[in-house]
C-alpha atoms as a PDB file:
ATOM      1  CA  MET A   1     -34.408 232.959 236.139  1.00  0.00           C
ATOM      2  CA  PRO A   2     -32.575 232.983 239.468  1.00  0.00           C
ATOM      3  CA  VAL A   3     -34.087 231.076 242.397  1.00  0.00           C
ATOM      4  CA  PRO A   4     -35.347 233.427 245.132  1.00  0.00           C
ATOM      5  CA  PRO A   5     -33.183 233.238 248.273  1.00  0.00           C
ATOM      6  CA  CYS A   6     -36.222 232.318 250.399  1.00  0.00           C
ATOM      7  CA  PHE A   7     -36.769 229.217 248.269  1.00  0.00           C
ATOM      8  CA  ILE A   8     -33.143 228.179 248.668  1.00  0.00           C
ATOM      9  CA  GLY A   9     -33.469 228.401 252.426  1.00  0.00           C
ATOM     10  CA  SER A  10     -36.686 226.363 252.398  1.00  0.00           C
ATOM     11  CA  ALA A  11     -35.086 223.682 250.228  1.00  0.00           C
ATOM     12  CA  ALA A  12     -32.127 223.427 252.572  1.00  0.00           C
ATOM     13  CA  ARG A  13     -34.404 223.108 255.588  1.00  0.00           C
ATOM     14  CA  PHE A  14     -36.448 220.433 253.819  1.00  0.00           C
ATOM     15  CA  ASP A  15     -33.287 218.484 252.958  1.00  0.00           C
ATOM     16  CA  THR A  16     -32.247 218.632 256.605  1.00  0.00           C
ATOM     17  CA  TYR A  17     -35.685 217.422 257.699  1.00  0.00           C
ATOM     18  CA  ARG A  18     -35.667 214.609 255.128  1.00  0.00           C
ATOM     19  CA  ASN A  19     -32.194 213.500 256.206  1.00  0.00           C
ATOM     20  CA  ASN A  20     -33.257 213.514 259.850  1.00  0.00           C
ATOM     21  CA  VAL A  21     -36.319 211.402 259.048  1.00  0.00           C
ATOM     22  CA  GLU A  22     -34.243 208.899 257.077  1.00  0.00           C
ATOM     23  CA  THR A  23     -31.659 208.689 259.858  1.00  0.00           C
ATOM     24  CA  SER A  24     -34.440 208.054 262.370  1.00  0.00           C
ATOM     25  CA  LEU A  25     -35.963 205.305 260.229  1.00  0.00           C
ATOM     26  CA  ILE A  26     -32.586 203.659 259.641  1.00  0.00           C
ATOM     27  CA  GLY A  27     -32.085 203.657 263.405  1.00  0.00           C
ATOM     28  CA  ALA A  28     -35.513 202.091 263.908  1.00  0.00           C
ATOM     29  CA  LEU A  29     -34.736 199.319 261.410  1.00  0.00           C
ATOM     30  CA  ALA A  30     -31.388 198.703 263.110  1.00  0.00           C
ATOM     31  CA  ASP A  31     -33.176 198.305 266.447  1.00  0.00           C
ATOM     32  CA  ILE A  32     -35.741 195.910 264.962  1.00  0.00           C
ATOM     33  CA  TYR A  33     -33.222 193.870 262.948  1.00  0.00           C
ATOM     34  CA  PRO A  34     -29.979 193.814 264.983  1.00  0.00           C
ATOM     35  CA  VAL A  35     -28.880 190.371 263.764  1.00  0.00           C
ATOM     36  CA  VAL A  36     -29.358 191.384 260.129  1.00  0.00           C
ATOM     37  CA  LYS A  37     -27.145 194.380 260.833  1.00  0.00           C
ATOM     38  CA  GLN A  38     -24.518 192.186 262.510  1.00  0.00           C
ATOM     39  CA  LEU A  39     -24.515 189.803 259.560  1.00  0.00           C
ATOM     40  CA  VAL A  40     -23.895 192.463 256.909  1.00  0.00           C
ATOM     41  CA  GLY A  41     -22.132 195.247 258.822  1.00  0.00           C
ATOM     42  CA  GLY A  42     -23.208 198.803 259.512  1.00  0.00           C
ATOM     43  CA  ASP A  43     -22.435 200.356 256.118  1.00  0.00           C
ATOM     44  CA  PHE A  44     -24.222 197.659 254.120  1.00  0.00           C
ATOM     45  CA  PHE A  45     -27.173 197.729 256.502  1.00  0.00           C
ATOM     46  CA  ASN A  46     -27.506 201.496 256.165  1.00  0.00           C
ATOM     47  CA  GLY A  47     -27.506 201.080 252.393  1.00  0.00           C
ATOM     48  CA  VAL A  48     -30.226 198.434 252.271  1.00  0.00           C
ATOM     49  CA  ALA A  49     -32.234 200.333 254.890  1.00  0.00           C
ATOM     50  CA  SER A  50     -32.040 203.530 252.821  1.00  0.00           C
ATOM     51  CA  ALA A  51     -33.164 201.653 249.715  1.00  0.00           C
ATOM     52  CA  TYR A  52     -36.078 200.180 251.668  1.00  0.00           C
ATOM     53  CA  ILE A  53     -37.086 203.562 253.109  1.00  0.00           C
ATOM     54  CA  ARG A  54     -37.205 205.147 249.645  1.00  0.00           C
ATOM     55  CA  LYS A  55     -39.848 202.615 248.601  1.00  0.00           C
ATOM     56  CA  ASN A  56     -41.656 202.131 251.916  1.00  0.00           C
ATOM     57  CA  ARG A  57     -42.723 205.176 253.881  1.00  0.00           C
ATOM     58  CA  PRO A  58     -44.029 204.690 257.429  1.00  0.00           C
ATOM     59  CA  ALA A  59     -47.773 204.254 257.846  1.00  0.00           C
ATOM     60  CA  SER A  60     -47.641 204.710 261.624  1.00  0.00           C
ATOM     61  CA  PRO A  61     -45.818 207.162 263.908  1.00  0.00           C
ATOM     62  CA  VAL A  62     -44.823 204.197 266.106  1.00  0.00           C
ATOM     63  CA  LEU A  63     -41.327 203.309 264.891  1.00  0.00           C
ATOM     64  CA  SER A  64     -41.473 199.739 266.224  1.00  0.00           C
ATOM     65  CA  GLU A  65     -44.319 199.102 263.747  1.00  0.00           C
ATOM     66  CA  TYR A  66     -42.170 200.084 260.767  1.00  0.00           C
ATOM     67  CA  GLY A  67     -40.441 197.669 258.441  1.00  0.00           C
ATOM     68  CA  TYR A  68     -42.829 194.715 258.196  1.00  0.00           C
ATOM     69  CA  ALA A  69     -41.828 194.116 254.577  1.00  0.00           C
ATOM     70  CA  PHE A  70     -38.086 194.387 255.244  1.00  0.00           C
ATOM     71  CA  GLY A  71     -37.498 190.631 254.964  1.00  0.00           C
ATOM     72  CA  ALA A  72     -39.317 190.427 251.630  1.00  0.00           C
ATOM     73  CA  PHE A  73     -37.400 193.479 250.405  1.00  0.00           C
ATOM     74  CA  ILE A  74     -34.082 191.859 251.318  1.00  0.00           C
ATOM     75  CA  ASP A  75     -35.097 188.762 249.328  1.00  0.00           C
ATOM     76  CA  THR A  76     -35.168 190.889 246.165  1.00  0.00           C
ATOM     77  CA  PHE A  77     -32.227 193.166 247.020  1.00  0.00           C
ATOM     78  CA  GLU A  78     -29.550 192.091 244.540  1.00  0.00           C
ATOM     79  CA  PRO A  79     -26.492 193.150 246.614  1.00  0.00           C
ATOM     80  CA  ALA A  80     -27.661 190.741 249.369  1.00  0.00           C
ATOM     81  CA  ALA A  81     -27.984 187.748 247.026  1.00  0.00           C
ATOM     82  CA  SER A  82     -24.877 186.092 248.482  1.00  0.00           C
ATOM     83  CA  LEU A  83     -26.682 185.787 251.845  1.00  0.00           C
ATOM     84  CA  PRO A  84     -29.869 183.924 250.861  1.00  0.00           C
ATOM     85  CA  TYR A  85     -30.851 183.393 254.498  1.00  0.00           C
ATOM     86  CA  LEU A  86     -30.857 187.110 255.346  1.00  0.00           C
ATOM     87  CA  GLY A  87     -34.538 187.693 254.586  1.00  0.00           C
ATOM     88  CA  ASP A  88     -35.531 184.754 256.776  1.00  0.00           C
ATOM     89  CA  VAL A  89     -33.444 186.110 259.650  1.00  0.00           C
ATOM     90  CA  ALA A  90     -35.295 189.400 259.260  1.00  0.00           C
ATOM     91  CA  ARG A  91     -38.642 187.606 259.379  1.00  0.00           C
ATOM     92  CA  LEU A  92     -37.627 185.821 262.570  1.00  0.00           C
ATOM     93  CA  GLU A  93     -36.535 189.102 264.161  1.00  0.00           C
ATOM     94  CA  ARG A  94     -39.829 190.737 263.167  1.00  0.00           C
ATOM     95  CA  ALA A  95     -41.753 187.849 264.725  1.00  0.00           C
ATOM     96  CA  TRP A  96     -39.666 188.186 267.905  1.00  0.00           C
ATOM     97  CA  LEU A  97     -40.518 191.878 268.220  1.00  0.00           C
ATOM     98  CA  ASP A  98     -44.200 191.269 267.512  1.00  0.00           C
ATOM     99  CA  ALA A  99     -44.230 188.587 270.204  1.00  0.00           C
ATOM    100  CA  TYR A 100     -42.572 190.977 272.636  1.00  0.00           C
ATOM    101  CA  HIS A 101     -45.299 193.589 272.077  1.00  0.00           C
ATOM    102  CA  ALA A 102     -48.216 191.133 271.839  1.00  0.00           C
ATOM    103  CA  GLU A 103     -51.220 191.193 274.147  1.00  0.00           C
ATOM    104  CA  ASP A 104     -50.681 189.461 277.493  1.00  0.00           C
ATOM    105  CA  ILE A 105     -52.961 186.423 277.746  1.00  0.00           C
ATOM    106  CA  ALA A 106     -52.613 183.461 280.075  1.00  0.00           C
ATOM    107  CA  PRO A 107     -51.896 180.403 277.904  1.00  0.00           C
ATOM    108  CA  LEU A 108     -54.158 177.379 278.079  1.00  0.00           C
ATOM    109  CA  LYS A 109     -52.913 174.211 279.771  1.00  0.00           C
ATOM    110  CA  ILE A 110     -53.033 170.831 278.061  1.00  0.00           C
ATOM    111  CA  GLN A 111     -55.338 169.563 280.804  1.00  0.00           C
ATOM    112  CA  ALA A 112     -58.163 171.384 278.984  1.00  0.00           C
ATOM    113  CA  LEU A 113     -58.146 168.563 276.427  1.00  0.00           C
ATOM    114  CA  GLY A 114     -59.192 166.122 279.136  1.00  0.00           C
ATOM    115  CA  ASP A 115     -62.499 167.930 279.572  1.00  0.00           C
ATOM    116  CA  LEU A 116     -63.569 167.197 275.996  1.00  0.00           C
ATOM    117  CA  SER A 117     -65.465 164.241 274.579  1.00  0.00           C
ATOM    118  CA  GLN A 118     -64.104 162.240 271.652  1.00  0.00           C
ATOM    119  CA  SER A 119     -66.530 163.910 269.246  1.00  0.00           C
ATOM    120  CA  ALA A 120     -65.512 167.344 270.548  1.00  0.00           C
ATOM    121  CA  LEU A 121     -61.838 166.489 270.057  1.00  0.00           C
ATOM    122  CA  GLU A 122     -62.517 165.593 266.437  1.00  0.00           C
ATOM    123  CA  ARG A 123     -64.203 168.969 265.815  1.00  0.00           C
ATOM    124  CA  LEU A 124     -61.660 170.880 267.873  1.00  0.00           C
ATOM    125  CA  THR A 125     -60.021 174.020 266.507  1.00  0.00           C
ATOM    126  CA  PHE A 126     -57.242 176.022 268.128  1.00  0.00           C
ATOM    127  CA  LYS A 127     -56.676 179.702 268.744  1.00  0.00           C
ATOM    128  CA  LEU A 128     -52.971 180.349 269.135  1.00  0.00           C
ATOM    129  CA  HIS A 129     -51.561 182.793 271.659  1.00  0.00           C
ATOM    130  CA  PRO A 130     -51.402 186.396 270.342  1.00  0.00           C
ATOM    131  CA  SER A 131     -47.610 186.266 270.560  1.00  0.00           C
ATOM    132  CA  ALA A 132     -47.265 182.969 268.676  1.00  0.00           C
ATOM    133  CA  ALA A 133     -45.718 183.001 265.211  1.00  0.00           C
ATOM    134  CA  LEU A 134     -44.182 180.505 262.819  1.00  0.00           C
ATOM    135  CA  VAL A 135     -41.236 181.159 260.514  1.00  0.00           C
ATOM    136  CA  THR A 136     -40.006 178.658 257.953  1.00  0.00           C
ATOM    137  CA  SER A 137     -36.648 178.720 256.204  1.00  0.00           C
ATOM    138  CA  SER A 138     -34.563 176.661 253.801  1.00  0.00           C
ATOM    139  CA  HIS A 139     -31.596 177.699 255.963  1.00  0.00           C
ATOM    140  CA  PRO A 140     -30.609 177.214 259.637  1.00  0.00           C
ATOM    141  CA  VAL A 141     -32.266 180.490 260.583  1.00  0.00           C
ATOM    142  CA  VAL A 142     -32.795 179.693 264.275  1.00  0.00           C
ATOM    143  CA  THR A 143     -29.188 178.612 264.728  1.00  0.00           C
ATOM    144  CA  ILE A 144     -27.903 181.727 262.958  1.00  0.00           C
ATOM    145  CA  TRP A 145     -30.132 183.946 265.097  1.00  0.00           C
ATOM    146  CA  ARG A 146     -29.052 182.233 268.318  1.00  0.00           C
ATOM    147  CA  ARG A 147     -25.368 182.530 267.471  1.00  0.00           C
ATOM    148  CA  HIS A 148     -25.791 186.302 267.330  1.00  0.00           C
ATOM    149  CA  GLN A 149     -27.392 186.710 270.735  1.00  0.00           C
ATOM    150  CA  GLY A 150     -24.738 188.498 272.790  1.00  0.00           C
ATOM    151  CA  ASP A 151     -21.915 187.986 270.290  1.00  0.00           C
ATOM    152  CA  ALA A 152     -21.543 190.362 267.364  1.00  0.00           C
ATOM    153  CA  TYR A 153     -18.976 188.196 265.567  1.00  0.00           C
ATOM    154  CA  PRO A 154     -19.918 184.529 266.073  1.00  0.00           C
ATOM    155  CA  ASP A 155     -18.382 181.662 264.135  1.00  0.00           C
ATOM    156  CA  LEU A 156     -20.837 180.364 261.551  1.00  0.00           C
ATOM    157  CA  GLY A 157     -18.374 177.938 260.022  1.00  0.00           C
ATOM    158  CA  ASN A 158     -19.513 174.873 261.969  1.00  0.00           C
ATOM    159  CA  ILE A 159     -23.259 175.299 261.430  1.00  0.00           C
ATOM    160  CA  GLU A 160     -25.131 172.411 259.850  1.00  0.00           C
ATOM    161  CA  TRP A 161     -26.746 174.070 256.831  1.00  0.00           C
ATOM    162  CA  VAL A 162     -30.167 172.453 256.885  1.00  0.00           C
ATOM    163  CA  PRO A 163     -33.680 173.933 256.784  1.00  0.00           C
ATOM    164  CA  GLU A 164     -35.041 175.115 260.126  1.00  0.00           C
ATOM    165  CA  HIS A 165     -38.510 176.141 261.212  1.00  0.00           C
ATOM    166  CA  ALA A 166     -39.160 178.414 264.169  1.00  0.00           C
ATOM    167  CA  LEU A 167     -41.941 178.697 266.720  1.00  0.00           C
ATOM    168  CA  ILE A 168     -41.873 182.058 268.494  1.00  0.00           C
ATOM    169  CA  VAL A 169     -44.041 182.744 271.547  1.00  0.00           C
ATOM    170  CA  ARG A 170     -44.104 184.889 274.693  1.00  0.00           C
ATOM    171  CA  PRO A 171     -46.319 183.182 277.279  1.00  0.00           C
ATOM    172  CA  GLY A 172     -44.918 185.330 280.092  1.00  0.00           C
ATOM    173  CA  LEU A 173     -42.217 187.967 280.302  1.00  0.00           C
ATOM    174  CA  ASP A 174     -39.697 186.432 277.909  1.00  0.00           C
ATOM    175  CA  VAL A 175     -39.909 185.659 274.200  1.00  0.00           C
ATOM    176  CA  HIS A 176     -38.988 182.054 273.401  1.00  0.00           C
ATOM    177  CA  VAL A 177     -37.671 180.914 270.028  1.00  0.00           C
ATOM    178  CA  GLN A 178     -37.391 177.215 269.311  1.00  0.00           C
ATOM    179  CA  ALA A 179     -36.543 175.192 266.237  1.00  0.00           C
ATOM    180  CA  ILE A 180     -39.238 172.641 265.439  1.00  0.00           C
ATOM    181  CA  PRO A 181     -39.264 169.770 262.930  1.00  0.00           C
ATOM    182  CA  GLN A 182     -41.013 170.032 259.590  1.00  0.00           C
ATOM    183  CA  ALA A 183     -43.929 167.837 260.680  1.00  0.00           C
ATOM    184  CA  ALA A 184     -44.540 169.991 263.765  1.00  0.00           C
ATOM    185  CA  PHE A 185     -44.376 173.141 261.638  1.00  0.00           C
ATOM    186  CA  ASP A 186     -46.949 171.721 259.221  1.00  0.00           C
ATOM    187  CA  PHE A 187     -49.152 170.643 262.149  1.00  0.00           C
ATOM    188  CA  PHE A 188     -49.019 174.027 263.889  1.00  0.00           C
ATOM    189  CA  THR A 189     -49.528 175.944 260.629  1.00  0.00           C
ATOM    190  CA  ARG A 190     -52.677 174.003 259.799  1.00  0.00           C
ATOM    191  CA  LEU A 191     -54.069 174.437 263.312  1.00  0.00           C
ATOM    192  CA  ALA A 192     -53.293 178.159 263.189  1.00  0.00           C
ATOM    193  CA  GLY A 193     -55.200 178.317 259.900  1.00  0.00           C
ATOM    194  CA  GLY A 194     -58.383 177.062 261.568  1.00  0.00           C
ATOM    195  CA  GLU A 195     -58.418 173.412 260.486  1.00  0.00           C
ATOM    196  CA  THR A 196     -59.862 170.908 262.940  1.00  0.00           C
ATOM    197  CA  LEU A 197     -57.559 168.642 264.905  1.00  0.00           C
ATOM    198  CA  SER A 198     -59.086 165.615 263.205  1.00  0.00           C
ATOM    199  CA  SER A 199     -58.589 166.931 259.666  1.00  0.00           C
ATOM    200  CA  VAL A 200     -54.995 167.928 260.369  1.00  0.00           C
ATOM    201  CA  CYS A 201     -54.168 164.515 261.812  1.00  0.00           C
ATOM    202  CA  ASP A 202     -55.714 162.837 258.767  1.00  0.00           C
ATOM    203  CA  ALA A 203     -53.764 165.076 256.371  1.00  0.00           C
ATOM    204  CA  LEU A 204     -50.418 164.381 258.049  1.00  0.00           C
ATOM    205  CA  ALA A 205     -50.971 160.729 258.949  1.00  0.00           C
ATOM    206  CA  ASN A 206     -48.552 159.438 256.296  1.00  0.00           C
ATOM    207  CA  ASP A 207     -45.713 161.741 257.385  1.00  0.00           C
ATOM    208  CA  ALA A 208     -43.153 159.577 259.182  1.00  0.00           C
ATOM    209  CA  GLY A 209     -42.140 162.514 261.378  1.00  0.00           C
ATOM    210  CA  PHE A 210     -45.675 163.293 262.511  1.00  0.00           C
ATOM    211  CA  ASP A 211     -46.264 162.620 266.224  1.00  0.00           C
ATOM    212  CA  PRO A 212     -49.489 164.367 267.254  1.00  0.00           C
ATOM    213  CA  SER A 213     -49.117 163.621 270.964  1.00  0.00           C
ATOM    214  CA  ALA A 214     -45.589 165.057 271.087  1.00  0.00           C
ATOM    215  CA  HIS A 215     -46.497 168.047 268.922  1.00  0.00           C
ATOM    216  CA  LEU A 216     -49.544 168.882 271.053  1.00  0.00           C
ATOM    217  CA  ALA A 217     -47.497 168.552 274.242  1.00  0.00           C
ATOM    218  CA  ASN A 218     -44.948 170.989 272.823  1.00  0.00           C
ATOM    219  CA  LEU A 219     -47.588 173.444 271.601  1.00  0.00           C
ATOM    220  CA  PHE A 220     -49.256 173.586 275.013  1.00  0.00           C
ATOM    221  CA  GLY A 221     -46.005 173.277 276.945  1.00  0.00           C
ATOM    222  CA  CYS A 222     -44.459 176.376 275.398  1.00  0.00           C
ATOM    223  CA  GLY A 223     -47.619 178.402 276.031  1.00  0.00           C
ATOM    224  CA  ALA A 224     -48.671 178.791 272.405  1.00  0.00           C
ATOM    225  CA  VAL A 225     -52.373 177.953 272.839  1.00  0.00           C
ATOM    226  CA  ALA A 226     -54.804 180.663 273.931  1.00  0.00           C
ATOM    227  CA  ALA A 227     -58.158 178.918 273.450  1.00  0.00           C
ATOM    228  CA  LEU A 228     -59.896 175.817 272.132  1.00  0.00           C
ATOM    229  CA  ASP A 229     -63.166 175.751 270.255  1.00  0.00           C
ATOM    230  CA  PRO A 230     -65.048 172.445 270.102  1.00  0.00           C
ATOM    231  CA  GLY A 231     -68.289 174.371 269.717  1.00  0.00           C
ATOM    232  CA  THR A 232     -67.807 175.984 273.147  1.00  0.00           C
ATOM    233  CA  THR A 233     -64.738 178.144 273.747  1.00  0.00           C
ATOM    234  CA  TYR A 234     -62.324 177.171 276.536  1.00  0.00           C
ATOM    235  CA  ARG A 235     -60.021 179.870 277.837  1.00  0.00           C
ATOM    236  CA  GLY A 236     -57.174 179.944 280.314  1.00  0.00           C
ATOM    237  CA  ASN A 237     -57.685 181.406 283.769  1.00  0.00           C
END
């Protein structure tokens, strides 16, 4: 039975609409993950983006909110297996964008600790800044990301290929990304998970790289603390 001409026209219009939607979503992913695109090139990026889009339709009309699972998808995307750090780069870029769009809150200063008694310090829990995020990687993800800021074709040949862990935060207008040591990453992760300062210090006491005073100074200094809770909440002004 021949297909009615009106159906053919509708199918063509739907194909055009579908192609336009996919093109728009590919563009959104390219804007969110520019370093990933630089690392693999435009054609490869369009291919992995198309594969992702086929399995992950947008849940929000806000394009900047699309693609949260892109890093995890890349981890399982066989053609990208030769770049094992690619998924981690995507996770760092996602964290950067989330920090950029996070709620503006004045970070707490380290002087707030001086107002607390010893018993309060032991019970103390931390609320991190809304923009704060942690990304861990078995690869030099922060160095790779930094090399691609402003240079589409950086030299990666002289990178020291060691694990790196990132702290991302936007205490003011600019998003800051810093590489932190493993002990600091473990410390911040536990605090972010709601453990008390005392319990975290006890858990990490045997780690030779653990320096609670230095780690706390860094956490406050970069603006990553929004509030303290020793039973009474302390907030920045």
